């Protein structure tokens, strides 16, 4: 699904007449490709069977608001922090694309950069070391100290 989402984003931007709705959809789709890569990494780190109910529950556990690397509960590597930072930036662009009714402020060149950023995030997630996957998964599962204090 992850690679297919990136392909869809590319196809939206390769149209002969790219509309604002194409730009918005490509932005949103690129973010979701990267976000699903994160969800899959987290779930498969704990439950290898993608068909199990527990895998699905873990996959769905990741919250879009947990991507702020400055709030990490456990130390994470620079690579892991880069993933979180880029994902949070893509999330902000996705919010603009999906929820802000004013004219979309990005041109095709910028949206192509968003898609490439998502592709980079997916590659970084797939190349994480075992220790980095564990640290990121724990941070995402436990949440931040601020989130725990509120909940």
N, C-alpha and C. Protein backbone atom coordinates (compact mmCIF):
# COMPACT_ATOMS: atom_id res chain seq x y z
N UNK A 1 0.81 -1.19 0.00
CA UNK A 1 0.00 0.00 0.00
C UNK A 1 0.87 1.27 0.00
N UNK A 2 1.95 1.27 0.74
CA UNK A 2 2.80 2.45 0.90
C UNK A 2 3.36 2.91 -0.44
N UNK A 3 3.95 1.98 -1.18
CA UNK A 3 4.52 2.34 -2.48
C UNK A 3 3.42 2.72 -3.47
N UNK A 4 2.26 2.08 -3.36
CA UNK A 4 1.14 2.43 -4.24
C UNK A 4 0.65 3.85 -3.97
N UNK A 5 0.63 4.26 -2.71
CA UNK A 5 0.23 5.64 -2.39
C UNK A 5 1.22 6.65 -2.99
N UNK A 6 2.50 6.36 -2.90
CA UNK A 6 3.49 7.25 -3.50
C UNK A 6 3.32 7.31 -5.02
N UNK A 7 3.01 6.17 -5.61
CA UNK A 7 2.78 6.13 -7.06
C UNK A 7 1.55 6.97 -7.42
N UNK A 8 0.50 6.89 -6.64
CA UNK A 8 -0.71 7.68 -6.90
C UNK A 8 -0.38 9.17 -6.82
N UNK A 9 0.39 9.56 -5.81
CA UNK A 9 0.79 10.97 -5.69
C UNK A 9 1.56 11.42 -6.93
N UNK A 10 2.49 10.58 -7.41
CA UNK A 10 3.24 10.89 -8.62
C UNK A 10 2.31 11.02 -9.83
N UNK A 11 1.36 10.11 -9.95
CA UNK A 11 0.43 10.14 -11.08
C UNK A 11 -0.43 11.39 -11.07
N UNK A 12 -0.86 11.81 -9.89
CA UNK A 12 -1.66 13.04 -9.80
C UNK A 12 -0.87 14.24 -10.31
N UNK A 13 0.41 14.25 -10.07
CA UNK A 13 1.24 15.38 -10.47
C UNK A 13 1.75 15.27 -11.90
N UNK A 14 1.54 14.13 -12.54
CA UNK A 14 2.01 13.95 -13.91
C UNK A 14 0.92 14.22 -14.94
N UNK A 15 -0.26 14.62 -14.47
CA UNK A 15 -1.35 14.95 -15.38
C UNK A 15 -0.95 16.13 -16.26
N UNK A 16 -1.55 16.22 -17.44
CA UNK A 16 -1.23 17.34 -18.33
C UNK A 16 -1.74 18.67 -17.78
N UNK A 17 -2.86 18.63 -17.08
CA UNK A 17 -3.42 19.86 -16.49
C UNK A 17 -3.63 19.63 -14.99
N UNK A 18 -2.61 19.92 -14.20
CA UNK A 18 -2.67 19.67 -12.76
C UNK A 18 -3.48 20.78 -12.09
N UNK A 19 -4.56 20.38 -11.46
CA UNK A 19 -5.43 21.33 -10.79
C UNK A 19 -5.05 21.47 -9.32
N UNK A 20 -5.69 22.41 -8.65
CA UNK A 20 -5.46 22.58 -7.22
C UNK A 20 -5.88 21.32 -6.47
N UNK A 21 -6.94 20.68 -6.91
CA UNK A 21 -7.37 19.46 -6.23
C UNK A 21 -6.34 18.34 -6.41
N UNK A 22 -5.67 18.29 -7.55
CA UNK A 22 -4.58 17.32 -7.74
C UNK A 22 -3.45 17.60 -6.75
N UNK A 23 -3.10 18.86 -6.59
CA UNK A 23 -2.02 19.25 -5.68
C UNK A 23 -2.38 18.90 -4.24
N UNK A 24 -3.63 19.18 -3.87
CA UNK A 24 -4.08 18.86 -2.51
C UNK A 24 -4.06 17.35 -2.27
N UNK A 25 -4.62 16.60 -3.21
CA UNK A 25 -4.70 15.14 -3.04
C UNK A 25 -3.30 14.52 -3.01
N UNK A 26 -2.40 14.99 -3.87
CA UNK A 26 -1.03 14.45 -3.89
C UNK A 26 -0.32 14.74 -2.57
N UNK A 27 -0.52 15.93 -2.02
CA UNK A 27 0.08 16.29 -0.73
C UNK A 27 -0.42 15.37 0.37
N UNK A 28 -1.72 15.19 0.43
CA UNK A 28 -2.33 14.35 1.45
C UNK A 28 -1.89 12.88 1.29
N UNK A 29 -1.90 12.41 0.08
CA UNK A 29 -1.53 11.02 -0.21
C UNK A 29 -0.07 10.75 0.14
N UNK A 30 0.80 11.72 -0.15
CA UNK A 30 2.22 11.55 0.19
C UNK A 30 2.40 11.43 1.70
N UNK A 31 1.71 12.27 2.45
CA UNK A 31 1.79 12.18 3.91
C UNK A 31 1.33 10.80 4.37
N UNK A 32 0.20 10.35 3.86
CA UNK A 32 -0.33 9.07 4.33
C UNK A 32 0.58 7.90 3.96
N UNK A 33 1.30 7.99 2.86
CA UNK A 33 2.27 6.92 2.53
C UNK A 33 3.32 6.83 3.63
N UNK A 34 3.86 7.98 4.03
CA UNK A 34 4.88 8.00 5.08
C UNK A 34 4.30 7.58 6.43
N UNK A 35 3.10 8.05 6.73
CA UNK A 35 2.47 7.72 8.00
C UNK A 35 2.19 6.22 8.09
N UNK A 36 1.72 5.62 7.00
CA UNK A 36 1.47 4.17 7.00
C UNK A 36 2.78 3.39 7.15
N UNK A 37 3.87 3.90 6.61
CA UNK A 37 5.16 3.24 6.79
C UNK A 37 5.54 3.24 8.28
N UNK A 38 5.26 4.34 8.96
CA UNK A 38 5.53 4.41 10.39
C UNK A 38 4.64 3.44 11.16
N UNK A 39 3.37 3.42 10.84
CA UNK A 39 2.43 2.51 11.52
C UNK A 39 2.84 1.05 11.32
N UNK A 40 3.22 0.72 10.09
CA UNK A 40 3.63 -0.65 9.80
C UNK A 40 4.90 -1.02 10.56
N UNK A 41 5.86 -0.08 10.62
CA UNK A 41 7.09 -0.34 11.36
C UNK A 41 6.78 -0.61 12.82
N UNK A 42 5.94 0.22 13.43
CA UNK A 42 5.62 0.06 14.84
C UNK A 42 4.96 -1.29 15.09
N UNK A 43 3.93 -1.60 14.34
CA UNK A 43 3.18 -2.84 14.57
C UNK A 43 4.05 -4.07 14.31
N UNK A 44 4.80 -4.07 13.22
CA UNK A 44 5.60 -5.25 12.89
C UNK A 44 6.80 -5.41 13.83
N UNK A 45 7.19 -4.34 14.50
CA UNK A 45 8.27 -4.44 15.48
C UNK A 45 7.85 -5.32 16.65
N UNK A 46 6.55 -5.34 16.92
CA UNK A 46 6.03 -6.07 18.08
C UNK A 46 5.31 -7.35 17.67
N UNK A 47 4.54 -7.28 16.59
CA UNK A 47 3.75 -8.43 16.14
C UNK A 47 4.05 -8.66 14.65
N UNK A 48 4.79 -9.70 14.33
CA UNK A 48 5.16 -9.93 12.93
C UNK A 48 4.00 -10.36 12.02
N UNK A 49 2.94 -10.90 12.60
CA UNK A 49 1.81 -11.40 11.80
C UNK A 49 0.86 -10.26 11.45
N UNK A 50 0.97 -9.76 10.22
CA UNK A 50 0.15 -8.63 9.78
C UNK A 50 -1.34 -8.96 9.74
N UNK A 51 -1.70 -10.22 9.80
CA UNK A 51 -3.11 -10.61 9.76
C UNK A 51 -3.74 -10.72 11.14
N UNK A 52 -2.94 -10.54 12.19
CA UNK A 52 -3.49 -10.70 13.53
C UNK A 52 -4.21 -9.43 13.98
N UNK A 53 -5.14 -9.61 14.89
CA UNK A 53 -5.90 -8.49 15.44
C UNK A 53 -4.97 -7.54 16.20
N UNK A 54 -4.00 -8.09 16.91
CA UNK A 54 -3.08 -7.26 17.67
C UNK A 54 -2.24 -6.37 16.74
N UNK A 55 -1.80 -6.92 15.61
CA UNK A 55 -1.06 -6.11 14.64
C UNK A 55 -1.90 -4.92 14.21
N UNK A 56 -3.14 -5.16 13.88
CA UNK A 56 -4.03 -4.09 13.42
C UNK A 56 -4.24 -3.05 14.53
N UNK A 57 -4.42 -3.52 15.75
CA UNK A 57 -4.61 -2.59 16.87
C UNK A 57 -3.38 -1.72 17.10
N UNK A 58 -2.20 -2.31 17.01
CA UNK A 58 -0.97 -1.54 17.16
C UNK A 58 -0.80 -0.57 15.99
N UNK A 59 -1.09 -1.04 14.79
CA UNK A 59 -1.00 -0.22 13.59
C UNK A 59 -1.87 1.02 13.74
N UNK A 60 -3.06 0.85 14.27
CA UNK A 60 -4.01 1.94 14.42
C UNK A 60 -3.73 2.80 15.66
N UNK A 61 -2.81 2.37 16.50
CA UNK A 61 -2.53 3.08 17.74
C UNK A 61 -1.78 4.40 17.52
N UNK A 62 -1.00 4.48 16.46
CA UNK A 62 -0.18 5.66 16.23
C UNK A 62 -1.09 6.87 16.02
N UNK A 63 -0.77 7.93 16.75
CA UNK A 63 -1.53 9.16 16.69
C UNK A 63 -0.74 10.18 15.88
N UNK A 64 -1.42 10.88 14.99
CA UNK A 64 -0.74 11.88 14.16
C UNK A 64 -0.05 12.95 15.00
N UNK A 65 -0.56 13.22 16.17
CA UNK A 65 0.01 14.26 17.02
C UNK A 65 1.24 13.81 17.79
N UNK A 66 1.62 12.55 17.69
CA UNK A 66 2.78 12.03 18.41
C UNK A 66 4.09 12.23 17.64
N UNK A 67 4.06 12.96 16.57
CA UNK A 67 5.22 13.04 15.69
C UNK A 67 6.24 14.10 16.10
N UNK A 68 5.95 14.87 17.12
CA UNK A 68 6.86 15.92 17.55
C UNK A 68 8.06 15.30 18.27
N UNK A 69 9.21 15.27 17.61
CA UNK A 69 10.41 14.65 18.16
C UNK A 69 10.95 15.35 19.39
N UNK A 70 10.57 16.62 19.59
CA UNK A 70 11.04 17.35 20.77
C UNK A 70 10.40 16.82 22.05
N UNK A 71 9.35 16.04 21.91
CA UNK A 71 8.65 15.52 23.07
C UNK A 71 8.95 14.05 23.34
N UNK A 72 9.97 13.53 22.69
CA UNK A 72 10.28 12.11 22.84
C UNK A 72 10.61 11.77 24.29
N UNK A 73 10.04 10.69 24.74
CA UNK A 73 10.25 10.25 26.12
C UNK A 73 11.62 9.59 26.28
N UNK A 74 12.04 8.82 25.28
CA UNK A 74 13.34 8.16 25.30
C UNK A 74 14.21 8.74 24.20
N UNK A 75 15.52 8.76 24.44
CA UNK A 75 16.45 9.31 23.46
C UNK A 75 16.32 8.57 22.13
N UNK A 76 16.28 9.37 21.08
CA UNK A 76 16.21 8.80 19.74
C UNK A 76 17.38 9.31 18.92
N UNK A 77 17.75 8.56 17.91
CA UNK A 77 18.90 8.91 17.08
C UNK A 77 18.54 10.10 16.18
N UNK A 78 19.58 10.67 15.57
CA UNK A 78 19.36 11.77 14.63
C UNK A 78 18.49 11.33 13.45
N UNK A 79 18.70 10.09 12.99
CA UNK A 79 17.91 9.57 11.87
C UNK A 79 16.44 9.46 12.27
N UNK A 80 16.20 8.96 13.46
CA UNK A 80 14.83 8.81 13.94
C UNK A 80 14.18 10.16 14.15
N UNK A 81 14.94 11.10 14.67
CA UNK A 81 14.41 12.44 14.86
C UNK A 81 14.10 13.09 13.51
N UNK A 82 14.93 12.83 12.50
CA UNK A 82 14.68 13.37 11.17
C UNK A 82 13.37 12.82 10.61
N UNK A 83 13.09 11.55 10.85
CA UNK A 83 11.83 10.95 10.41
C UNK A 83 10.67 11.69 11.06
N UNK A 84 10.73 11.85 12.35
CA UNK A 84 9.64 12.51 13.08
C UNK A 84 9.47 13.95 12.61
N UNK A 85 10.56 14.66 12.41
CA UNK A 85 10.49 16.06 11.97
C UNK A 85 9.87 16.16 10.58
N UNK A 86 10.35 15.33 9.66
CA UNK A 86 9.82 15.37 8.30
C UNK A 86 8.36 14.93 8.26
N UNK A 87 8.02 13.91 9.04
CA UNK A 87 6.62 13.48 9.09
C UNK A 87 5.72 14.57 9.65
N UNK A 88 6.19 15.26 10.67
CA UNK A 88 5.38 16.34 11.24
C UNK A 88 5.20 17.46 10.22
N UNK A 89 6.25 17.78 9.47
CA UNK A 89 6.13 18.79 8.42
C UNK A 89 5.13 18.35 7.35
N UNK A 90 5.22 17.09 6.93
CA UNK A 90 4.27 16.56 5.95
C UNK A 90 2.85 16.58 6.51
N UNK A 91 2.72 16.32 7.80
CA UNK A 91 1.40 16.34 8.43
C UNK A 91 0.81 17.75 8.38
N UNK A 92 1.64 18.75 8.61
CA UNK A 92 1.17 20.14 8.53
C UNK A 92 0.70 20.48 7.11
N UNK A 93 1.44 20.02 6.11
CA UNK A 93 1.04 20.26 4.72
C UNK A 93 -0.27 19.51 4.42
N UNK A 94 -0.42 18.30 4.97
CA UNK A 94 -1.64 17.52 4.77
C UNK A 94 -2.84 18.23 5.39
N UNK A 95 -2.66 18.82 6.54
CA UNK A 95 -3.75 19.57 7.18
C UNK A 95 -4.16 20.74 6.29
N UNK A 96 -3.18 21.44 5.73
CA UNK A 96 -3.49 22.55 4.81
C UNK A 96 -4.24 22.03 3.60
N UNK A 97 -3.81 20.90 3.08
CA UNK A 97 -4.43 20.34 1.88
C UNK A 97 -5.85 19.86 2.13
N UNK A 98 -6.07 19.24 3.28
CA UNK A 98 -7.35 18.61 3.55
C UNK A 98 -8.38 19.51 4.23
N UNK A 99 -7.92 20.51 4.98
CA UNK A 99 -8.87 21.23 5.83
C UNK A 99 -8.93 22.74 5.66
N UNK A 100 -7.99 23.33 4.94
CA UNK A 100 -7.99 24.79 4.79
C UNK A 100 -8.64 25.13 3.44
N UNK A 101 -9.80 25.79 3.47
CA UNK A 101 -10.52 26.03 2.22
C UNK A 101 -9.93 27.14 1.34
N UNK A 102 -9.06 27.97 1.89
CA UNK A 102 -8.46 29.04 1.08
C UNK A 102 -7.61 28.42 -0.03
N UNK A 103 -7.27 29.23 -1.01
CA UNK A 103 -6.46 28.74 -2.13
C UNK A 103 -5.23 28.02 -1.58
N UNK A 104 -4.96 26.86 -2.14
CA UNK A 104 -3.81 26.06 -1.73
C UNK A 104 -2.54 26.83 -2.06
N UNK A 105 -1.67 27.08 -1.08
CA UNK A 105 -0.54 27.98 -1.30
C UNK A 105 0.68 27.38 -1.99
N UNK A 106 0.60 26.12 -2.43
CA UNK A 106 1.77 25.46 -2.99
C UNK A 106 1.58 25.17 -4.48
N UNK A 107 2.69 25.28 -5.18
CA UNK A 107 2.72 24.99 -6.61
C UNK A 107 3.20 23.55 -6.82
N UNK A 108 3.14 23.11 -8.05
CA UNK A 108 3.49 21.72 -8.37
C UNK A 108 4.92 21.36 -7.94
N UNK A 109 5.85 22.28 -8.09
CA UNK A 109 7.25 22.00 -7.72
C UNK A 109 7.35 21.72 -6.22
N UNK A 110 6.63 22.51 -5.42
CA UNK A 110 6.66 22.30 -3.97
C UNK A 110 5.99 20.99 -3.59
N UNK A 111 4.89 20.67 -4.25
CA UNK A 111 4.18 19.42 -3.93
C UNK A 111 5.04 18.22 -4.35
N UNK A 112 5.76 18.33 -5.45
CA UNK A 112 6.69 17.26 -5.82
C UNK A 112 7.75 17.09 -4.73
N UNK A 113 8.18 18.19 -4.13
CA UNK A 113 9.12 18.10 -3.01
C UNK A 113 8.49 17.38 -1.82
N UNK A 114 7.21 17.63 -1.56
CA UNK A 114 6.51 16.93 -0.47
C UNK A 114 6.49 15.43 -0.74
N UNK A 115 6.21 15.06 -1.98
CA UNK A 115 6.16 13.64 -2.35
C UNK A 115 7.55 13.02 -2.19
N UNK A 116 8.57 13.74 -2.62
CA UNK A 116 9.93 13.22 -2.46
C UNK A 116 10.33 13.13 -0.99
N UNK A 117 9.88 14.08 -0.19
CA UNK A 117 10.13 14.01 1.25
C UNK A 117 9.47 12.78 1.85
N UNK A 118 8.25 12.51 1.44
CA UNK A 118 7.55 11.31 1.92
C UNK A 118 8.31 10.05 1.50
N UNK A 119 8.79 10.04 0.28
CA UNK A 119 9.56 8.89 -0.21
C UNK A 119 10.83 8.72 0.63
N UNK A 120 11.47 9.81 0.98
CA UNK A 120 12.67 9.77 1.82
C UNK A 120 12.34 9.22 3.21
N UNK A 121 11.23 9.68 3.78
CA UNK A 121 10.81 9.20 5.10
C UNK A 121 10.57 7.70 5.06
N UNK A 122 9.90 7.23 4.04
CA UNK A 122 9.62 5.79 3.90
C UNK A 122 10.95 5.02 3.84
N UNK A 123 11.88 5.51 3.05
CA UNK A 123 13.19 4.84 2.94
C UNK A 123 13.93 4.86 4.28
N UNK A 124 13.87 5.98 4.99
CA UNK A 124 14.53 6.06 6.30
C UNK A 124 13.90 5.09 7.29
N UNK A 125 12.58 5.02 7.30
CA UNK A 125 11.90 4.09 8.20
C UNK A 125 12.32 2.65 7.90
N UNK A 126 12.36 2.33 6.63
CA UNK A 126 12.72 0.97 6.23
C UNK A 126 14.17 0.63 6.54
N UNK A 127 15.02 1.65 6.69
CA UNK A 127 16.45 1.39 6.93
C UNK A 127 16.86 1.56 8.39
N UNK A 128 15.91 1.82 9.29
CA UNK A 128 16.25 2.00 10.69
C UNK A 128 16.91 0.75 11.27
N UNK A 129 17.83 0.98 12.17
CA UNK A 129 18.43 -0.14 12.90
C UNK A 129 17.40 -0.71 13.86
N UNK A 130 17.67 -1.90 14.35
CA UNK A 130 16.78 -2.54 15.33
C UNK A 130 16.58 -1.64 16.55
N UNK A 131 17.66 -1.07 17.07
CA UNK A 131 17.57 -0.22 18.25
C UNK A 131 16.73 1.03 17.99
N UNK A 132 16.89 1.62 16.81
CA UNK A 132 16.10 2.81 16.48
C UNK A 132 14.63 2.47 16.30
N UNK A 133 14.35 1.32 15.72
CA UNK A 133 12.94 0.90 15.59
C UNK A 133 12.31 0.71 16.96
N UNK A 134 13.05 0.08 17.86
CA UNK A 134 12.54 -0.15 19.21
C UNK A 134 12.30 1.19 19.92
N UNK A 135 13.29 2.09 19.88
CA UNK A 135 13.15 3.39 20.55
C UNK A 135 11.97 4.18 20.00
N UNK A 136 11.82 4.19 18.68
CA UNK A 136 10.71 4.92 18.07
C UNK A 136 9.38 4.26 18.43
N UNK A 137 9.33 2.94 18.38
CA UNK A 137 8.09 2.24 18.72
C UNK A 137 7.70 2.51 20.17
N UNK A 138 8.66 2.47 21.07
CA UNK A 138 8.36 2.72 22.49
C UNK A 138 7.85 4.14 22.68
N UNK A 139 8.51 5.10 22.05
CA UNK A 139 8.06 6.49 22.16
C UNK A 139 6.63 6.65 21.64
N UNK A 140 6.33 6.01 20.55
CA UNK A 140 4.99 6.14 19.97
C UNK A 140 3.94 5.40 20.81
N UNK A 141 4.32 4.27 21.38
CA UNK A 141 3.37 3.51 22.19
C UNK A 141 3.10 4.15 23.54
N UNK A 142 4.15 4.59 24.19
CA UNK A 142 4.00 5.16 25.53
C UNK A 142 3.55 6.60 25.44
N UNK A 143 3.96 7.31 24.42
CA UNK A 143 3.64 8.72 24.31
C UNK A 143 4.64 9.55 25.08
N UNK A 144 4.37 10.80 25.15
CA UNK A 144 5.27 11.70 25.84
C UNK A 144 4.86 11.85 27.29
N UNK A 145 5.74 12.38 28.10
CA UNK A 145 5.41 12.60 29.50
C UNK A 145 4.25 13.58 29.61
N UNK A 146 4.18 14.57 28.72
CA UNK A 146 3.08 15.53 28.71
C UNK A 146 1.76 14.83 28.40
N UNK A 147 1.78 13.95 27.40
CA UNK A 147 0.56 13.22 27.03
C UNK A 147 0.12 12.31 28.18
N UNK A 148 1.07 11.67 28.85
CA UNK A 148 0.72 10.77 29.95
C UNK A 148 0.13 11.55 31.12
N UNK A 149 0.65 12.75 31.37
CA UNK A 149 0.15 13.56 32.49
C UNK A 149 -1.29 13.99 32.25
N UNK A 150 -1.63 14.26 31.01
CA UNK A 150 -2.98 14.69 30.66
C UNK A 150 -3.93 13.51 30.72
N UNK A 151 -3.49 12.34 30.21
CA UNK A 151 -4.34 11.15 30.12
C UNK A 151 -4.42 10.50 31.42
